[in-house]
Amino acid sequence: MGTFFQTIEIAASTSGPFQSVDALVDTGASYTWLPSAILSRLGVAPLFKSQFTLADGTTIERDVTQIVVRLDGRNLFTVCIFGDEGSMPLLGTVTLEEFGLGVDPVNKRLIPVPRFLV
């Protein structure tokens, strides 16, 4: 699958201030991941720690929080992981699902997908 970047705006609360971030759309990542320095500048504090398994099978522990993501003019709270310094921002599948978006890998864009209540 091809990869691409999506510009999102992030904030600690719905009142902002918002910061634009180019995030790699990563359907292999459950959660959105942002370098800790970005979250700290916004005044976002960790809520708890959790363990995560990386693609290579390594288990890591990271701080977790909630942030506001603005995408296509909509603001939603989403889970966000405090990433390593210098790491690439990732837009994970939980955030995409919350926005009702899927990935069009051919055209490298986000597309609306049906939502189901089953």
PDB file of N, CA and C in Angstrom:
ATOM      1  N   MET A   1       0.838  -1.179   0.000  1.00  0.00           N
ATOM      2  CA  MET A   1       0.000   0.000   0.000  1.00  0.00           C
ATOM      3  C   MET A   1       0.876   1.233   0.000  1.00  0.00           C
ATOM      4  N   GLY A   2       0.499   2.244  -0.757  1.00  0.00           N
ATOM      5  CA  GLY A   2       1.233   3.488  -0.785  1.00  0.00           C
ATOM      6  C   GLY A   2       1.020   4.281   0.484  1.00  0.00           C
ATOM      7  N   THR A   3       1.958   5.103   0.797  1.00  0.00           N
ATOM      8  CA  THR A   3       1.827   5.967   1.964  1.00  0.00           C
ATOM      9  C   THR A   3       1.688   7.407   1.495  1.00  0.00           C
ATOM     10  N   PHE A   4       1.097   8.218   2.348  1.00  0.00           N
ATOM     11  CA  PHE A   4       0.961   9.638   2.041  1.00  0.00           C
ATOM     12  C   PHE A   4       0.781  10.410   3.336  1.00  0.00           C
ATOM     13  N   PHE A   5       0.934  11.718   3.224  1.00  0.00           N
ATOM     14  CA  PHE A   5       0.792  12.598   4.380  1.00  0.00           C
ATOM     15  C   PHE A   5      -0.519  13.359   4.293  1.00  0.00           C
ATOM     16  N   GLN A   6      -1.066  13.653   5.475  1.00  0.00           N
ATOM     17  CA  GLN A   6      -2.285  14.442   5.597  1.00  0.00           C
ATOM     18  C   GLN A   6      -2.019  15.562   6.589  1.00  0.00           C
ATOM     19  N   THR A   7      -2.340  16.780   6.208  1.00  0.00           N
ATOM     20  CA  THR A   7      -2.218  17.891   7.138  1.00  0.00           C
ATOM     21  C   THR A   7      -3.418  17.879   8.070  1.00  0.00           C
ATOM     22  N   ILE A   8      -3.130  17.874   9.370  1.00  0.00           N
ATOM     23  CA  ILE A   8      -4.167  17.967  10.384  1.00  0.00           C
ATOM     24  C   ILE A   8      -3.823  19.142  11.284  1.00  0.00           C
ATOM     25  N   GLU A   9      -4.800  19.627  12.008  1.00  0.00           N
ATOM     26  CA  GLU A   9      -4.555  20.643  13.024  1.00  0.00           C
ATOM     27  C   GLU A   9      -4.823  19.992  14.372  1.00  0.00           C
ATOM     28  N   ILE A  10      -3.980  20.308  15.344  1.00  0.00           N
ATOM     29  CA  ILE A  10      -4.110  19.699  16.666  1.00  0.00           C
ATOM     30  C   ILE A  10      -4.124  20.774  17.737  1.00  0.00           C
ATOM     31  N   ALA A  11      -4.784  20.456  18.849  1.00  0.00           N
ATOM     32  CA  ALA A  11      -4.860  21.384  19.972  1.00  0.00           C
ATOM     33  C   ALA A  11      -5.138  20.602  21.247  1.00  0.00           C
ATOM     34  N   ALA A  12      -4.933  21.279  22.371  1.00  0.00           N
ATOM     35  CA  ALA A  12      -5.226  20.681  23.667  1.00  0.00           C
ATOM     36  C   ALA A  12      -6.720  20.731  23.977  1.00  0.00           C
ATOM     37  N   SER A  13      -7.431  21.691  23.390  1.00  0.00           N
ATOM     38  CA  SER A  13      -8.869  21.827  23.624  1.00  0.00           C
ATOM     39  C   SER A  13      -9.521  22.379  22.364  1.00  0.00           C
ATOM     40  N   THR A  14     -10.838  22.360  22.332  1.00  0.00           N
ATOM     41  CA  THR A  14     -11.555  22.833  21.153  1.00  0.00           C
ATOM     42  C   THR A  14     -11.378  24.329  20.922  1.00  0.00           C
ATOM     43  N   SER A  15     -10.963  25.063  21.955  1.00  0.00           N
ATOM     44  CA  SER A  15     -10.751  26.502  21.796  1.00  0.00           C
ATOM     45  C   SER A  15      -9.350  26.831  21.281  1.00  0.00           C
ATOM     46  N   GLY A  16      -8.496  25.799  21.115  1.00  0.00           N
ATOM     47  CA  GLY A  16      -7.160  26.023  20.548  1.00  0.00           C
ATOM     48  C   GLY A  16      -6.186  26.509  21.580  1.00  0.00           C
ATOM     49  N   PRO A  17      -5.068  27.049  21.140  1.00  0.00           N
ATOM     50  CA  PRO A  17      -4.685  27.299  19.746  1.00  0.00           C
ATOM     51  C   PRO A  17      -4.356  26.001  19.019  1.00  0.00           C
ATOM     52  N   PHE A  18      -4.582  26.020  17.692  1.00  0.00           N
ATOM     53  CA  PHE A  18      -4.311  24.868  16.852  1.00  0.00           C
ATOM     54  C   PHE A  18      -2.964  25.014  16.166  1.00  0.00           C
ATOM     55  N   GLN A  19      -2.311  23.877  15.958  1.00  0.00           N
ATOM     56  CA  GLN A  19      -1.045  23.825  15.238  1.00  0.00           C
ATOM     57  C   GLN A  19      -1.196  22.838  14.088  1.00  0.00           C
ATOM     58  N   SER A  20      -0.754  23.233  12.897  1.00  0.00           N
ATOM     59  CA  SER A  20      -0.781  22.343  11.741  1.00  0.00           C
ATOM     60  C   SER A  20       0.374  21.356  11.805  1.00  0.00           C
ATOM     61  N   VAL A  21       0.074  20.106  11.468  1.00  0.00           N
ATOM     62  CA  VAL A  21       1.069  19.037  11.466  1.00  0.00           C
ATOM     63  C   VAL A  21       0.837  18.184  10.225  1.00  0.00           C
ATOM     64  N   ASP A  22       1.900  17.841   9.525  1.00  0.00           N
ATOM     65  CA  ASP A  22       1.810  16.876   8.432  1.00  0.00           C
ATOM     66  C   ASP A  22       2.068  15.503   9.019  1.00  0.00           C
ATOM     67  N   ALA A  23       1.039  14.660   9.009  1.00  0.00           N
ATOM     68  CA  ALA A  23       1.130  13.338   9.622  1.00  0.00           C
ATOM     69  C   ALA A  23       1.060  12.251   8.551  1.00  0.00           C
ATOM     70  N   LEU A  24       1.876  11.229   8.719  1.00  0.00           N
ATOM     71  CA  LEU A  24       1.827  10.073   7.830  1.00  0.00           C
ATOM     72  C   LEU A  24       0.562   9.285   8.138  1.00  0.00           C
ATOM     73  N   VAL A  25      -0.251   9.016   7.120  1.00  0.00           N
ATOM     74  CA  VAL A  25      -1.436   8.198   7.296  1.00  0.00           C
ATOM     75  C   VAL A  25      -0.952   6.757   7.415  1.00  0.00           C
ATOM     76  N   ASP A  26      -1.175   6.161   8.580  1.00  0.00           N
ATOM     77  CA  ASP A  26      -0.619   4.845   8.875  1.00  0.00           C
ATOM     78  C   ASP A  26      -1.723   3.902   9.338  1.00  0.00           C
ATOM     79  N   THR A  27      -2.251   3.107   8.410  1.00  0.00           N
ATOM     80  CA  THR A  27      -3.325   2.181   8.762  1.00  0.00           C
ATOM     81  C   THR A  27      -2.825   0.999   9.576  1.00  0.00           C
ATOM     82  N   GLY A  28      -1.517   0.882   9.746  1.00  0.00           N
ATOM     83  CA  GLY A  28      -0.952  -0.155  10.604  1.00  0.00           C
ATOM     84  C   GLY A  28      -0.833   0.298  12.050  1.00  0.00           C
ATOM     85  N   ALA A  29      -1.039   1.582  12.296  1.00  0.00           N
ATOM     86  CA  ALA A  29      -0.955   2.140  13.650  1.00  0.00           C
ATOM     87  C   ALA A  29      -2.364   2.316  14.204  1.00  0.00           C
ATOM     88  N   SER A  30      -2.596   1.797  15.388  1.00  0.00           N
ATOM     89  CA  SER A  30      -3.914   1.953  16.000  1.00  0.00           C
ATOM     90  C   SER A  30      -4.195   3.409  16.360  1.00  0.00           C
ATOM     91  N   TYR A  31      -3.194   4.072  16.940  1.00  0.00           N
ATOM     92  CA  TYR A  31      -3.427   5.400  17.493  1.00  0.00           C
ATOM     93  C   TYR A  31      -2.569   6.462  16.809  1.00  0.00           C
ATOM     94  N   THR A  32      -3.037   7.688  16.924  1.00  0.00           N
ATOM     95  CA  THR A  32      -2.260   8.820  16.449  1.00  0.00           C
ATOM     96  C   THR A  32      -1.064   9.007  17.381  1.00  0.00           C
ATOM     97  N   TRP A  33       0.082   9.341  16.784  1.00  0.00           N
ATOM     98  CA  TRP A  33       1.366   9.441  17.492  1.00  0.00           C
ATOM     99  C   TRP A  33       1.979  10.773  17.117  1.00  0.00           C
ATOM    100  N   LEU A  34       2.321  11.576  18.106  1.00  0.00           N
ATOM    101  CA  LEU A  34       2.974  12.865  17.857  1.00  0.00           C
ATOM    102  C   LEU A  34       4.197  12.994  18.745  1.00  0.00           C
ATOM    103  N   PRO A  35       5.272  13.582  18.219  1.00  0.00           N
ATOM    104  CA  PRO A  35       6.452  13.794  19.061  1.00  0.00           C
ATOM    105  C   PRO A  35       6.079  14.560  20.333  1.00  0.00           C
ATOM    106  N   SER A  36       6.678  14.165  21.433  1.00  0.00           N
ATOM    107  CA  SER A  36       6.378  14.752  22.745  1.00  0.00           C
ATOM    108  C   SER A  36       6.524  16.265  22.769  1.00  0.00           C
ATOM    109  N   ALA A  37       7.518  16.802  22.060  1.00  0.00           N
ATOM    110  CA  ALA A  37       7.752  18.250  22.073  1.00  0.00           C
ATOM    111  C   ALA A  37       6.558  19.019  21.517  1.00  0.00           C
ATOM    112  N   ILE A  38       5.932  18.482  20.489  1.00  0.00           N
ATOM    113  CA  ILE A  38       4.747  19.141  19.918  1.00  0.00           C
ATOM    114  C   ILE A  38       3.630  19.176  20.951  1.00  0.00           C
ATOM    115  N   LEU A  39       3.383  18.053  21.600  1.00  0.00           N
ATOM    116  CA  LEU A  39       2.318  17.992  22.603  1.00  0.00           C
ATOM    117  C   LEU A  39       2.622  18.897  23.791  1.00  0.00           C
ATOM    118  N   SER A  40       3.872  18.933  24.217  1.00  0.00           N
ATOM    119  CA  SER A  40       4.264  19.796  25.340  1.00  0.00           C
ATOM    120  C   SER A  40       4.051  21.263  25.010  1.00  0.00           C
ATOM    121  N   ARG A  41       4.405  21.677  23.787  1.00  0.00           N
ATOM    122  CA  ARG A  41       4.211  23.076  23.378  1.00  0.00           C
ATOM    123  C   ARG A  41       2.746  23.472  23.419  1.00  0.00           C
ATOM    124  N   LEU A  42       1.863  22.516  23.170  1.00  0.00           N
ATOM    125  CA  LEU A  42       0.428  22.802  23.213  1.00  0.00           C
ATOM    126  C   LEU A  42      -0.131  22.759  24.632  1.00  0.00           C
ATOM    127  N   GLY A  43       0.686  22.348  25.591  1.00  0.00           N
ATOM    128  CA  GLY A  43       0.236  22.267  26.976  1.00  0.00           C
ATOM    129  C   GLY A  43      -0.542  20.999  27.280  1.00  0.00           C
ATOM    130  N   VAL A  44      -0.345  19.970  26.462  1.00  0.00           N
ATOM    131  CA  VAL A  44      -1.030  18.698  26.658  1.00  0.00           C
ATOM    132  C   VAL A  44      -0.272  17.875  27.693  1.00  0.00           C
ATOM    133  N   ALA A  45      -0.987  17.347  28.669  1.00  0.00           N
ATOM    134  CA  ALA A  45      -0.362  16.534  29.711  1.00  0.00           C
ATOM    135  C   ALA A  45      -0.733  15.060  29.521  1.00  0.00           C
ATOM    136  N   PRO A  46       0.175  14.162  29.889  1.00  0.00           N
ATOM    137  CA  PRO A  46      -0.157  12.735  29.835  1.00  0.00           C
ATOM    138  C   PRO A  46      -1.300  12.413  30.802  1.00  0.00           C
ATOM    139  N   LEU A  47      -2.140  11.460  30.409  1.00  0.00           N
ATOM    140  CA  LEU A  47      -3.230  11.001  31.271  1.00  0.00           C
ATOM    141  C   LEU A  47      -2.893   9.675  31.938  1.00  0.00           C
ATOM    142  N   PHE A  48      -2.172   8.817  31.221  1.00  0.00           N
ATOM    143  CA  PHE A  48      -1.759   7.524  31.752  1.00  0.00           C
ATOM    144  C   PHE A  48      -0.671   6.946  30.857  1.00  0.00           C
ATOM    145  N   LYS A  49      -0.085   5.844  31.278  1.00  0.00           N
ATOM    146  CA  LYS A  49       0.905   5.121  30.482  1.00  0.00           C
ATOM    147  C   LYS A  49       0.269   3.831  29.972  1.00  0.00           C
ATOM    148  N   SER A  50       0.738   3.384  28.808  1.00  0.00           N
ATOM    149  CA  SER A  50       0.246   2.132  28.264  1.00  0.00           C
ATOM    150  C   SER A  50       1.357   1.467  27.457  1.00  0.00           C
ATOM    151  N   GLN A  51       1.226   0.156  27.277  1.00  0.00           N
ATOM    152  CA  GLN A  51       2.201  -0.583  26.490  1.00  0.00           C
ATOM    153  C   GLN A  51       1.688  -0.769  25.069  1.00  0.00           C
ATOM    154  N   PHE A  52       2.624  -0.756  24.113  1.00  0.00           N
ATOM    155  CA  PHE A  52       2.311  -0.892  22.695  1.00  0.00           C
ATOM    156  C   PHE A  52       3.321  -1.822  22.062  1.00  0.00           C
ATOM    157  N   THR A  53       2.878  -2.560  21.057  1.00  0.00           N
ATOM    158  CA  THR A  53       3.766  -3.441  20.317  1.00  0.00           C
ATOM    159  C   THR A  53       4.104  -2.793  18.986  1.00  0.00           C
ATOM    160  N   LEU A  54       5.395  -2.708  18.694  1.00  0.00           N
ATOM    161  CA  LEU A  54       5.858  -2.133  17.435  1.00  0.00           C
ATOM    162  C   LEU A  54       5.832  -3.184  16.332  1.00  0.00           C
ATOM    163  N   ALA A  55       6.013  -2.746  15.094  1.00  0.00           N
ATOM    164  CA  ALA A  55       5.979  -3.645  13.928  1.00  0.00           C
ATOM    165  C   ALA A  55       7.003  -4.767  14.040  1.00  0.00           C
ATOM    166  N   ASP A  56       8.129  -4.506  14.704  1.00  0.00           N
ATOM    167  CA  ASP A  56       9.173  -5.537  14.824  1.00  0.00           C
ATOM    168  C   ASP A  56       8.938  -6.472  16.010  1.00  0.00           C
ATOM    169  N   GLY A  57       7.822  -6.289  16.722  1.00  0.00           N
ATOM    170  CA  GLY A  57       7.490  -7.132  17.856  1.00  0.00           C
ATOM    171  C   GLY A  57       7.941  -6.600  19.202  1.00  0.00           C
ATOM    172  N   THR A  58       8.716  -5.536  19.204  1.00  0.00           N
ATOM    173  CA  THR A  58       9.192  -4.917  20.436  1.00  0.00           C
ATOM    174  C   THR A  58       8.019  -4.281  21.187  1.00  0.00           C
ATOM    175  N   THR A  59       8.019  -4.423  22.512  1.00  0.00           N
ATOM    176  CA  THR A  59       7.004  -3.777  23.344  1.00  0.00           C
ATOM    177  C   THR A  59       7.616  -2.539  23.986  1.00  0.00           C
ATOM    178  N   ILE A  60       6.887  -1.422  23.899  1.00  0.00           N
ATOM    179  CA  ILE A  60       7.327  -0.169  24.510  1.00  0.00           C
ATOM    180  C   ILE A  60       6.220   0.359  25.412  1.00  0.00           C
ATOM    181  N   GLU A  61       6.592   1.244  26.326  1.00  0.00           N
ATOM    182  CA  GLU A  61       5.616   1.924  27.173  1.00  0.00           C
ATOM    183  C   GLU A  61       5.693   3.410  26.872  1.00  0.00           C
ATOM    184  N   ARG A  62       4.552   4.044  26.670  1.00  0.00           N
ATOM    185  CA  ARG A  62       4.511   5.463  26.352  1.00  0.00           C
ATOM    186  C   ARG A  62       3.379   6.140  27.108  1.00  0.00           C
ATOM    187  N   ASP A  63       3.526   7.448  27.297  1.00  0.00           N
ATOM    188  CA  ASP A  63       2.451   8.269  27.841  1.00  0.00           C
ATOM    189  C   ASP A  63       1.350   8.390  26.802  1.00  0.00           C
ATOM    190  N   VAL A  64       0.112   8.472  27.296  1.00  0.00           N
ATOM    191  CA  VAL A  64      -1.064   8.572  26.437  1.00  0.00           C
ATOM    192  C   VAL A  64      -1.889   9.768  26.899  1.00  0.00           C
ATOM    193  N   THR A  65      -2.545  10.437  25.960  1.00  0.00           N
ATOM    194  CA  THR A  65      -3.385  11.577  26.279  1.00  0.00           C
ATOM    195  C   THR A  65      -4.544  11.643  25.307  1.00  0.00           C
ATOM    196  N   GLN A  66      -5.326  12.698  25.395  1.00  0.00           N
ATOM    197  CA  GLN A  66      -6.337  13.022  24.395  1.00  0.00           C
ATOM    198  C   GLN A  66      -6.029  14.407  23.864  1.00  0.00           C
ATOM    199  N   ILE A  67      -6.187  14.561  22.553  1.00  0.00           N
ATOM    200  CA  ILE A  67      -6.027  15.866  21.915  1.00  0.00           C
ATOM    201  C   ILE A  67      -7.238  16.115  21.031  1.00  0.00           C
ATOM    202  N   VAL A  68      -7.358  17.339  20.566  1.00  0.00           N
ATOM    203  CA  VAL A  68      -8.369  17.669  19.570  1.00  0.00           C
ATOM    204  C   VAL A  68      -7.680  17.660  18.213  1.00  0.00           C
ATOM    205  N   VAL A  69      -8.282  16.955  17.263  1.00  0.00           N
ATOM    206  CA  VAL A  69      -7.808  16.970  15.879  1.00  0.00           C
ATOM    207  C   VAL A  69      -8.862  17.675  15.045  1.00  0.00           C
ATOM    208  N   ARG A  70      -8.406  18.614  14.218  1.00  0.00           N
ATOM    209  CA  ARG A  70      -9.292  19.284  13.267  1.00  0.00           C
ATOM    210  C   ARG A  70      -8.946  18.760  11.883  1.00  0.00           C
ATOM    211  N   LEU A  71      -9.961  18.236  11.218  1.00  0.00           N
ATOM    212  CA  LEU A  71      -9.782  17.667   9.891  1.00  0.00           C
ATOM    213  C   LEU A  71     -11.048  17.940   9.097  1.00  0.00           C
ATOM    214  N   ASP A  72     -10.911  18.502   7.922  1.00  0.00           N
ATOM    215  CA  ASP A  72     -12.062  18.835   7.078  1.00  0.00           C
ATOM    216  C   ASP A  72     -13.085  19.699   7.811  1.00  0.00           C
ATOM    217  N   GLY A  73     -12.593  20.614   8.641  1.00  0.00           N
ATOM    218  CA  GLY A  73     -13.477  21.546   9.331  1.00  0.00           C
ATOM    219  C   GLY A  73     -14.192  20.989  10.544  1.00  0.00           C
ATOM    220  N   ARG A  74     -13.885  19.743  10.917  1.00  0.00           N
ATOM    221  CA  ARG A  74     -14.509  19.138  12.094  1.00  0.00           C
ATOM    222  C   ARG A  74     -13.475  18.948  13.189  1.00  0.00           C
ATOM    223  N   ASN A  75     -13.874  19.181  14.438  1.00  0.00           N
ATOM    224  CA  ASN A  75     -13.000  18.980  15.593  1.00  0.00           C
ATOM    225  C   ASN A  75     -13.484  17.763  16.378  1.00  0.00           C
ATOM    226  N   LEU A  76     -12.559  16.842  16.660  1.00  0.00           N
ATOM    227  CA  LEU A  76     -12.892  15.680  17.476  1.00  0.00           C
ATOM    228  C   LEU A  76     -11.760  15.385  18.446  1.00  0.00           C
ATOM    229  N   PHE A  77     -12.119  14.946  19.653  1.00  0.00           N
ATOM    230  CA  PHE A  77     -11.119  14.451  20.588  1.00  0.00           C
ATOM    231  C   PHE A  77     -10.694  13.059  20.140  1.00  0.00           C
ATOM    232  N   THR A  78      -9.406  12.745  20.301  1.00  0.00           N
ATOM    233  CA  THR A  78      -8.895  11.426  19.958  1.00  0.00           C
ATOM    234  C   THR A  78      -7.736  11.063  20.872  1.00  0.00           C
ATOM    235  N   VAL A  79      -7.496   9.778  20.997  1.00  0.00           N
ATOM    236  CA  VAL A  79      -6.356   9.290  21.770  1.00  0.00           C
ATOM    237  C   VAL A  79      -5.075   9.604  21.004  1.00  0.00           C
ATOM    238  N   CYS A  80      -4.052  10.008  21.737  1.00  0.00           N
ATOM    239  CA  CYS A  80      -2.768  10.336  21.119  1.00  0.00           C
ATOM    240  C   CYS A  80      -1.633   9.836  22.005  1.00  0.00           C
ATOM    241  N   ILE A  81      -0.629   9.265  21.367  1.00  0.00           N
ATOM    242  CA  ILE A  81       0.541   8.742  22.064  1.00  0.00           C
ATOM    243  C   ILE A  81       1.665   9.768  22.022  1.00  0.00           C
ATOM    244  N   PHE A  82       2.348   9.944  23.154  1.00  0.00           N
ATOM    245  CA  PHE A  82       3.532  10.795  23.207  1.00  0.00           C
ATOM    246  C   PHE A  82       4.675  10.058  22.521  1.00  0.00           C
ATOM    247  N   GLY A  83       5.057  10.524  21.350  1.00  0.00           N
ATOM    248  CA  GLY A  83       6.094   9.872  20.556  1.00  0.00           C
ATOM    249  C   GLY A  83       7.486  10.339  20.915  1.00  0.00           C
ATOM    250  N   ASP A  84       8.463   9.588  20.425  1.00  0.00           N
ATOM    251  CA  ASP A  84       9.872   9.925  20.630  1.00  0.00           C
ATOM    252  C   ASP A  84      10.205  11.227  19.906  1.00  0.00           C
ATOM    253  N   GLU A  85      11.198  11.936  20.433  1.00  0.00           N
ATOM    254  CA  GLU A  85      11.661  13.153  19.778  1.00  0.00           C
ATOM    255  C   GLU A  85      12.221  12.806  18.409  1.00  0.00           C
ATOM    256  N   GLY A  86      11.879  13.615  17.428  1.00  0.00           N
ATOM    257  CA  GLY A  86      12.364  13.396  16.078  1.00  0.00           C
ATOM    258  C   GLY A  86      11.589  12.348  15.308  1.00  0.00           C
ATOM    259  N   SER A  87      10.609  11.708  15.949  1.00  0.00           N
ATOM    260  CA  SER A  87       9.821  10.701  15.243  1.00  0.00           C
ATOM    261  C   SER A  87       8.789  11.382  14.343  1.00  0.00           C
ATOM    262  N   MET A  88       8.308  10.627  13.394  1.00  0.00           N
ATOM    263  CA  MET A  88       7.341  11.128  12.435  1.00  0.00           C
ATOM    264  C   MET A  88       5.937  11.107  13.032  1.00  0.00           C
ATOM    265  N   PRO A  89       5.184  12.201  12.899  1.00  0.00           N
ATOM    266  CA  PRO A  89       3.784  12.174  13.327  1.00  0.00           C
ATOM    267  C   PRO A  89       3.007  11.154  12.503  1.00  0.00           C
ATOM    268  N   LEU A  90       2.141  10.379  13.180  1.00  0.00           N
ATOM    269  CA  LEU A  90       1.327   9.361  12.520  1.00  0.00           C
ATOM    270  C   LEU A  90      -0.145   9.632  12.781  1.00  0.00           C
ATOM    271  N   LEU A  91      -0.951   9.480  11.759  1.00  0.00           N
ATOM    272  CA  LEU A  91      -2.400   9.561  11.888  1.00  0.00           C
ATOM    273  C   LEU A  91      -2.913   8.127  11.878  1.00  0.00           C
ATOM    274  N   GLY A  92      -3.346   7.644  13.042  1.00  0.00           N
ATOM    275  CA  GLY A  92      -3.711   6.237  13.211  1.00  0.00           C
ATOM    276  C   GLY A  92      -5.161   5.931  12.874  1.00  0.00           C
ATOM    277  N   THR A  93      -5.469   4.634  12.872  1.00  0.00           N
ATOM    278  CA  THR A  93      -6.786   4.172  12.436  1.00  0.00           C
ATOM    279  C   THR A  93      -7.920   4.563  13.380  1.00  0.00           C
ATOM    280  N   VAL A  94      -7.653   4.652  14.672  1.00  0.00           N
ATOM    281  CA  VAL A  94      -8.727   5.059  15.590  1.00  0.00           C
ATOM    282  C   VAL A  94      -9.212   6.455  15.225  1.00  0.00           C
ATOM    283  N   THR A  95      -8.301   7.369  14.990  1.00  0.00           N
ATOM    284  CA  THR A  95      -8.671   8.740  14.615  1.00  0.00           C
ATOM    285  C   THR A  95      -9.411   8.739  13.285  1.00  0.00           C
ATOM    286  N   LEU A  96      -8.915   7.969  12.316  1.00  0.00           N
ATOM    287  CA  LEU A  96      -9.596   7.899  11.015  1.00  0.00           C
ATOM    288  C   LEU A  96     -11.021   7.385  11.178  1.00  0.00           C
ATOM    289  N   GLU A  97     -11.200   6.341  11.972  1.00  0.00           N
ATOM    290  CA  GLU A  97     -12.537   5.785  12.182  1.00  0.00           C
ATOM    291  C   GLU A  97     -13.449   6.778  12.888  1.00  0.00           C
ATOM    292  N   GLU A  98     -12.905   7.531  13.838  1.00  0.00           N
ATOM    293  CA  GLU A  98     -13.722   8.526  14.534  1.00  0.00           C
ATOM    294  C   GLU A  98     -14.243   9.581  13.563  1.00  0.00           C
ATOM    295  N   PHE A  99     -13.450   9.912  12.558  1.00  0.00           N
ATOM    296  CA  PHE A  99     -13.857  10.883  11.541  1.00  0.00           C
ATOM    297  C   PHE A  99     -14.672  10.239  10.415  1.00  0.00           C
ATOM    298  N   GLY A 100     -14.828   8.909  10.440  1.00  0.00           N
ATOM    299  CA  GLY A 100     -15.556   8.223   9.381  1.00  0.00           C
ATOM    300  C   GLY A 100     -14.801   8.232   8.066  1.00  0.00           C
ATOM    301  N   LEU A 101     -13.468   8.097   8.158  1.00  0.00           N
ATOM    302  CA  LEU A 101     -12.621   8.163   6.971  1.00  0.00           C
ATOM    303  C   LEU A 101     -11.863   6.866   6.754  1.00  0.00           C
ATOM    304  N   GLY A 102     -11.658   6.531   5.507  1.00  0.00           N
ATOM    305  CA  GLY A 102     -10.826   5.418   5.103  1.00  0.00           C
ATOM    306  C   GLY A 102      -9.737   5.928   4.183  1.00  0.00           C
ATOM    307  N   VAL A 103      -8.952   5.003   3.658  1.00  0.00           N
ATOM    308  CA  VAL A 103      -7.803   5.371   2.840  1.00  0.00           C
ATOM    309  C   VAL A 103      -8.012   4.902   1.407  1.00  0.00           C
ATOM    310  N   ASP A 104      -7.793   5.809   0.463  1.00  0.00           N
ATOM    311  CA  ASP A 104      -7.728   5.480  -0.963  1.00  0.00           C
ATOM    312  C   ASP A 104      -6.246   5.466  -1.310  1.00  0.00           C
ATOM    313  N   PRO A 105      -5.609   4.274  -1.302  1.00  0.00           N
ATOM    314  CA  PRO A 105      -4.159   4.211  -1.496  1.00  0.00           C
ATOM    315  C   PRO A 105      -3.714   4.531  -2.915  1.00  0.00           C
ATOM    316  N   VAL A 106      -4.591   4.341  -3.883  1.00  0.00           N
ATOM    317  CA  VAL A 106      -4.230   4.624  -5.271  1.00  0.00           C
ATOM    318  C   VAL A 106      -4.094   6.127  -5.491  1.00  0.00           C
ATOM    319  N   ASN A 107      -5.088   6.863  -5.003  1.00  0.00           N
ATOM    320  CA  ASN A 107      -5.083   8.322  -5.186  1.00  0.00           C
ATOM    321  C   ASN A 107      -4.471   9.062  -4.005  1.00  0.00           C
ATOM    322  N   LYS A 108      -4.017   8.298  -3.008  1.00  0.00           N
ATOM    323  CA  LYS A 108      -3.355   8.855  -1.822  1.00  0.00           C
ATOM    324  C   LYS A 108      -4.166   9.975  -1.190  1.00  0.00           C
ATOM    325  N   ARG A 109      -5.349   9.566  -0.720  1.00  0.00           N
ATOM    326  CA  ARG A 109      -6.239  10.539  -0.072  1.00  0.00           C
ATOM    327  C   ARG A 109      -7.151   9.825   0.907  1.00  0.00           C
ATOM    328  N   LEU A 110      -7.746  10.607   1.787  1.00  0.00           N
ATOM    329  CA  LEU A 110      -8.736  10.087   2.723  1.00  0.00           C
ATOM    330  C   LEU A 110     -10.108  10.202   2.077  1.00  0.00           C
ATOM    331  N   ILE A 111     -10.942   9.184   2.306  1.00  0.00           N
ATOM    332  CA  ILE A 111     -12.277   9.175   1.717  1.00  0.00           C
ATOM    333  C   ILE A 111     -13.307   8.814   2.790  1.00  0.00           C
ATOM    334  N   PRO A 112     -14.527   9.337   2.668  1.00  0.00           N
ATOM    335  CA  PRO A 112     -15.586   8.957   3.616  1.00  0.00           C
ATOM    336  C   PRO A 112     -15.929   7.479   3.451  1.00  0.00           C
ATOM    337  N   VAL A 113     -16.188   6.818   4.572  1.00  0.00           N
ATOM    338  CA  VAL A 113     -16.606   5.413   4.554  1.00  0.00           C
ATOM    339  C   VAL A 113     -17.883   5.295   5.382  1.00  0.00           C
ATOM    340  N   PRO A 114     -18.691   4.277   5.067  1.00  0.00           N
ATOM    341  CA  PRO A 114     -19.938   4.088   5.835  1.00  0.00           C
ATOM    342  C   PRO A 114     -19.632   3.801   7.301  1.00  0.00           C
ATOM    343  N   ARG A 115     -20.504   4.248   8.161  1.00  0.00           N
ATOM    344  CA  ARG A 115     -20.418   3.945   9.585  1.00  0.00           C
ATOM    345  C   ARG A 115     -21.528   2.974   9.922  1.00  0.00           C
ATOM    346  N   PHE A 116     -21.221   2.000  10.745  1.00  0.00           N
ATOM    347  CA  PHE A 116     -22.195   0.975  11.079  1.00  0.00           C
ATOM    348  C   PHE A 116     -22.457   0.949  12.579  1.00  0.00           C
ATOM    349  N   LEU A 117     -23.718   0.771  12.931  1.00  0.00           N
ATOM    350  CA  LEU A 117     -24.125   0.514  14.302  1.00  0.00           C
ATOM    351  C   LEU A 117     -24.739  -0.873  14.307  1.00  0.00           C
ATOM    352  N   VAL A 118     -23.985  -1.838  14.752  1.00  0.00           N
ATOM    353  CA  VAL A 118     -24.448  -3.219  14.693  1.00  0.00           C
ATOM    354  C   VAL A 118     -24.600  -3.761  16.096  1.00  0.00           C
TER     355      VAL A 118
END
